[in-house]
Structures are given as structure tokens and as C-alpha cells.
N, C-alpha and C. Protein backbone atom coordinates (compact mmCIF):
# COMPACT_ATOMS: atom_id res chain seq x y z
N MET A 1 0.72 -1.22 -0.03
CA MET A 1 -0.19 -0.36 0.20
C MET A 1 0.81 0.17 0.49
N THR A 2 1.63 0.91 0.59
CA THR A 2 2.51 2.19 0.79
C THR A 2 3.49 2.81 -0.06
N ARG A 3 3.77 2.34 -0.82
CA ARG A 3 4.64 1.61 -2.74
C ARG A 3 3.17 3.03 -4.01
N GLN A 4 1.49 2.77 -3.50
CA GLN A 4 1.02 2.79 -4.23
C GLN A 4 0.64 3.94 -3.59
N VAL A 5 0.48 4.11 -2.77
CA VAL A 5 0.08 5.53 -2.03
C VAL A 5 0.97 6.47 -3.13
N LEU A 6 2.47 6.04 -2.66
CA LEU A 6 3.58 7.33 -2.89
C LEU A 6 3.11 7.60 -4.73
N LEU A 7 3.07 6.46 -5.37
CA LEU A 7 3.49 6.41 -5.72
C LEU A 7 2.18 7.45 -6.82
N GLY A 8 0.90 7.86 -6.14
CA GLY A 8 -0.57 8.27 -6.11
C GLY A 8 -0.45 9.63 -6.29
N LEU A 9 0.95 9.98 -5.21
CA LEU A 9 0.72 11.80 -3.96
C LEU A 9 0.92 12.57 -5.73
N GLU A 10 0.54 13.93 -5.32
CA GLU A 10 1.62 14.58 -5.65
C GLU A 10 1.52 15.91 -4.65
N ILE A 11 2.88 15.66 -4.18
CA ILE A 11 3.34 16.30 -3.24
C ILE A 11 4.18 18.49 -3.72
N THR A 12 3.27 19.06 -2.92
CA THR A 12 3.81 19.95 -3.54
C THR A 12 5.16 20.37 -2.42
N ASP A 13 4.86 20.30 -2.18
CA ASP A 13 6.32 20.48 -0.94
C ASP A 13 7.46 19.92 -0.66
N CYS A 14 7.44 18.90 -1.86
CA CYS A 14 9.03 17.73 -1.63
C CYS A 14 9.21 16.65 -0.20
N GLN A 15 8.10 17.32 0.51
CA GLN A 15 8.50 16.22 1.32
C GLN A 15 7.60 15.39 1.84
N MET A 16 7.89 14.19 2.59
CA MET A 16 7.27 13.57 3.45
C MET A 16 7.54 12.91 4.39
N ALA A 17 6.56 12.89 5.68
CA ALA A 17 7.21 11.41 7.05
C ALA A 17 7.41 10.81 6.46
N VAL A 18 7.95 9.96 6.80
CA VAL A 18 8.63 8.17 7.17
C VAL A 18 9.08 7.67 8.55
N LYS A 19 8.36 6.10 9.07
CA LYS A 19 8.89 6.07 9.44
C LYS A 19 9.38 4.23 9.12
N HIS A 20 10.40 3.81 10.02
CA HIS A 20 11.14 2.40 9.39
C HIS A 20 10.74 1.74 10.85
N VAL A 21 10.57 0.19 10.46
CA VAL A 21 10.64 -0.73 11.53
C VAL A 21 11.22 -1.14 13.02
N SER A 22 12.47 -0.04 11.80
CA SER A 22 12.87 0.08 14.18
C SER A 22 12.82 1.49 14.31
N GLY A 23 11.61 1.66 14.64
CA GLY A 23 11.27 2.78 15.26
C GLY A 23 12.14 4.20 15.33
N ALA A 24 12.38 4.02 13.84
CA ALA A 24 13.23 5.05 13.18
C ALA A 24 11.91 6.55 13.18
N PHE A 25 11.84 7.72 12.41
CA PHE A 25 11.71 8.38 11.71
C PHE A 25 12.45 9.35 10.98
N GLY A 26 11.70 9.60 9.31
CA GLY A 26 12.43 10.13 8.44
C GLY A 26 11.85 11.20 7.76
N THR A 27 12.57 11.84 7.26
CA THR A 27 11.55 12.45 5.99
C THR A 27 12.08 11.82 4.50
N VAL A 28 11.70 12.52 3.64
CA VAL A 28 11.38 11.28 2.39
C VAL A 28 11.45 12.85 1.82
N GLU A 29 13.31 13.79 1.32
CA GLU A 29 13.38 14.66 0.25
C GLU A 29 13.08 14.58 -1.32
N SER A 30 12.50 13.99 -1.37
CA SER A 30 12.56 13.56 -2.75
C SER A 30 11.45 13.47 -3.80
N GLY A 31 9.78 13.17 -2.40
CA GLY A 31 9.23 13.56 -2.25
C GLY A 31 8.49 14.41 -4.26
N CYS A 32 9.06 15.10 -4.83
CA CYS A 32 8.01 15.21 -6.20
C CYS A 32 8.93 14.59 -6.98
N ARG A 33 9.15 14.20 -7.19
CA ARG A 33 10.65 12.70 -8.00
C ARG A 33 9.72 11.80 -8.05
N MET A 34 8.84 10.83 -6.99
CA MET A 34 8.82 9.48 -7.06
C MET A 34 8.04 8.90 -8.32
N MET A 35 8.51 9.02 -8.94
CA MET A 35 8.15 8.36 -10.25
C MET A 35 8.96 7.63 -10.73
N GLY A 36 10.05 7.08 -10.13
CA GLY A 36 10.65 5.85 -10.19
C GLY A 36 12.16 6.43 -9.75
N GLY A 37 12.65 7.39 -9.32
CA GLY A 37 13.44 7.73 -9.70
C GLY A 37 14.00 7.27 -8.36
N PRO A 38 15.04 7.80 -8.27
CA PRO A 38 16.48 7.98 -6.27
C PRO A 38 15.08 8.56 -5.58
N VAL A 39 14.92 8.35 -4.48
CA VAL A 39 14.19 8.25 -3.37
C VAL A 39 14.96 9.28 -2.35
N SER A 40 15.40 9.67 -1.52
CA SER A 40 15.93 10.31 -0.66
C SER A 40 15.86 10.54 0.82
N VAL A 41 16.21 9.39 1.40
CA VAL A 41 15.29 8.91 3.72
C VAL A 41 16.55 9.96 4.34
N ASN A 42 16.12 10.92 4.97
CA ASN A 42 16.88 11.81 5.66
C ASN A 42 16.57 11.23 7.96
N ASP A 43 16.93 10.46 8.63
CA ASP A 43 16.15 10.57 9.11
C ASP A 43 16.91 11.35 10.15
N ARG A 44 16.06 11.61 10.79
CA ARG A 44 15.49 12.74 11.63
C ARG A 44 16.39 13.41 13.00
N GLN A 45 16.44 11.95 13.97
CA GLN A 45 17.72 11.49 14.81
C GLN A 45 18.68 11.72 14.72
N SER A 46 19.66 11.16 13.60
CA SER A 46 20.99 10.66 13.23
C SER A 46 21.56 11.92 12.15
N GLY A 47 20.36 12.47 11.31
CA GLY A 47 20.95 13.42 9.94
C GLY A 47 20.98 12.41 9.19
N GLU A 48 21.68 12.30 9.51
CA GLU A 48 22.18 10.62 7.78
C GLU A 48 20.94 10.65 7.10
N SER A 49 21.46 10.74 5.47
CA SER A 49 20.89 10.03 4.44
C SER A 49 21.51 9.44 4.19
N ARG A 50 19.42 8.76 3.80
CA ARG A 50 19.80 7.32 2.62
C ARG A 50 18.33 7.03 0.95
N VAL A 51 19.59 6.98 0.68
CA VAL A 51 19.44 7.32 -0.80
C VAL A 51 19.11 5.36 -1.29
N PHE A 52 17.56 5.11 -1.55
CA PHE A 52 17.49 4.56 -2.69
C PHE A 52 16.92 4.60 -3.38
N GLY A 53 17.46 3.39 -4.68
CA GLY A 53 16.54 3.93 -6.07
C GLY A 53 15.78 3.17 -6.77
N ASN A 54 15.22 2.98 -5.57
CA ASN A 54 13.50 4.03 -6.23
C ASN A 54 12.79 4.09 -5.05
N ILE A 55 11.07 3.36 -5.31
CA ILE A 55 9.94 2.82 -3.69
C ILE A 55 9.69 1.75 -3.15
N ASP A 56 9.97 0.98 -4.68
CA ASP A 56 10.32 -1.14 -4.29
C ASP A 56 11.19 -0.47 -2.87
N GLN A 57 12.56 -0.35 -3.83
CA GLN A 57 13.55 -0.50 -1.99
C GLN A 57 13.88 -0.14 -1.18
N LEU A 58 13.26 1.45 -1.60
CA LEU A 58 12.69 1.93 -0.05
C LEU A 58 11.85 1.05 0.77
N VAL A 59 10.77 1.16 0.04
CA VAL A 59 9.93 0.14 1.16
C VAL A 59 9.99 -1.02 1.54
N ALA A 60 11.57 -2.27 0.83
CA ALA A 60 11.75 -3.60 1.16
C ALA A 60 13.13 -3.57 2.08
N ALA A 61 13.15 -1.91 2.35
CA ALA A 61 13.69 -1.45 3.73
C ALA A 61 13.30 -0.90 4.46
N GLY A 62 12.34 -0.94 5.28
CA GLY A 62 11.34 -0.76 5.60
C GLY A 62 10.64 0.20 6.39
N TRP A 63 10.30 0.90 5.35
CA TRP A 63 10.04 2.19 6.08
C TRP A 63 8.77 2.67 4.93
N VAL A 64 8.56 3.18 5.54
CA VAL A 64 6.56 3.90 5.32
C VAL A 64 5.85 4.97 6.23
N ILE A 65 5.26 5.38 4.86
CA ILE A 65 4.41 6.84 5.40
C ILE A 65 4.17 6.67 7.11
N ASP A 66 4.52 8.09 7.46
CA ASP A 66 4.31 7.83 9.06
C ASP A 66 2.72 9.12 8.80
């Protein structure tokens, strides 16, 4: 469901809150370009940035919409 929602969203501010199965929270910074390209998640606590090749990789890594 996360994948379907992300592909169908029109995000105007290019940011979206996400959470990880481990309890981490992040912000997707590439929300306006989610139609198959890279997706960058910035961890809110550590500030670490993780880049996934596409939405499928993001979801497979345990991230969902918060």
C-alpha cells in the first residue's frame, strides 16, 4: 500500500514523513520526483541521509508513510 500511495501522490512541498520498522523516523526529500527515480530519506534523529534507487527499495528496506 505504501508504494501505491507514494506513486499516486502529488506532493507540493517535496517532503513527506516516513517511519522505519526499527522505530526510526525520517523525511523523504524527493517527494516531488517519486515516479521511479531515487528516493532520499533523512533520518530525523541522526541526520543521516539514505538514498534508495526507487520506491520498491525504500519499502523493502522497511520504510512506510508516517
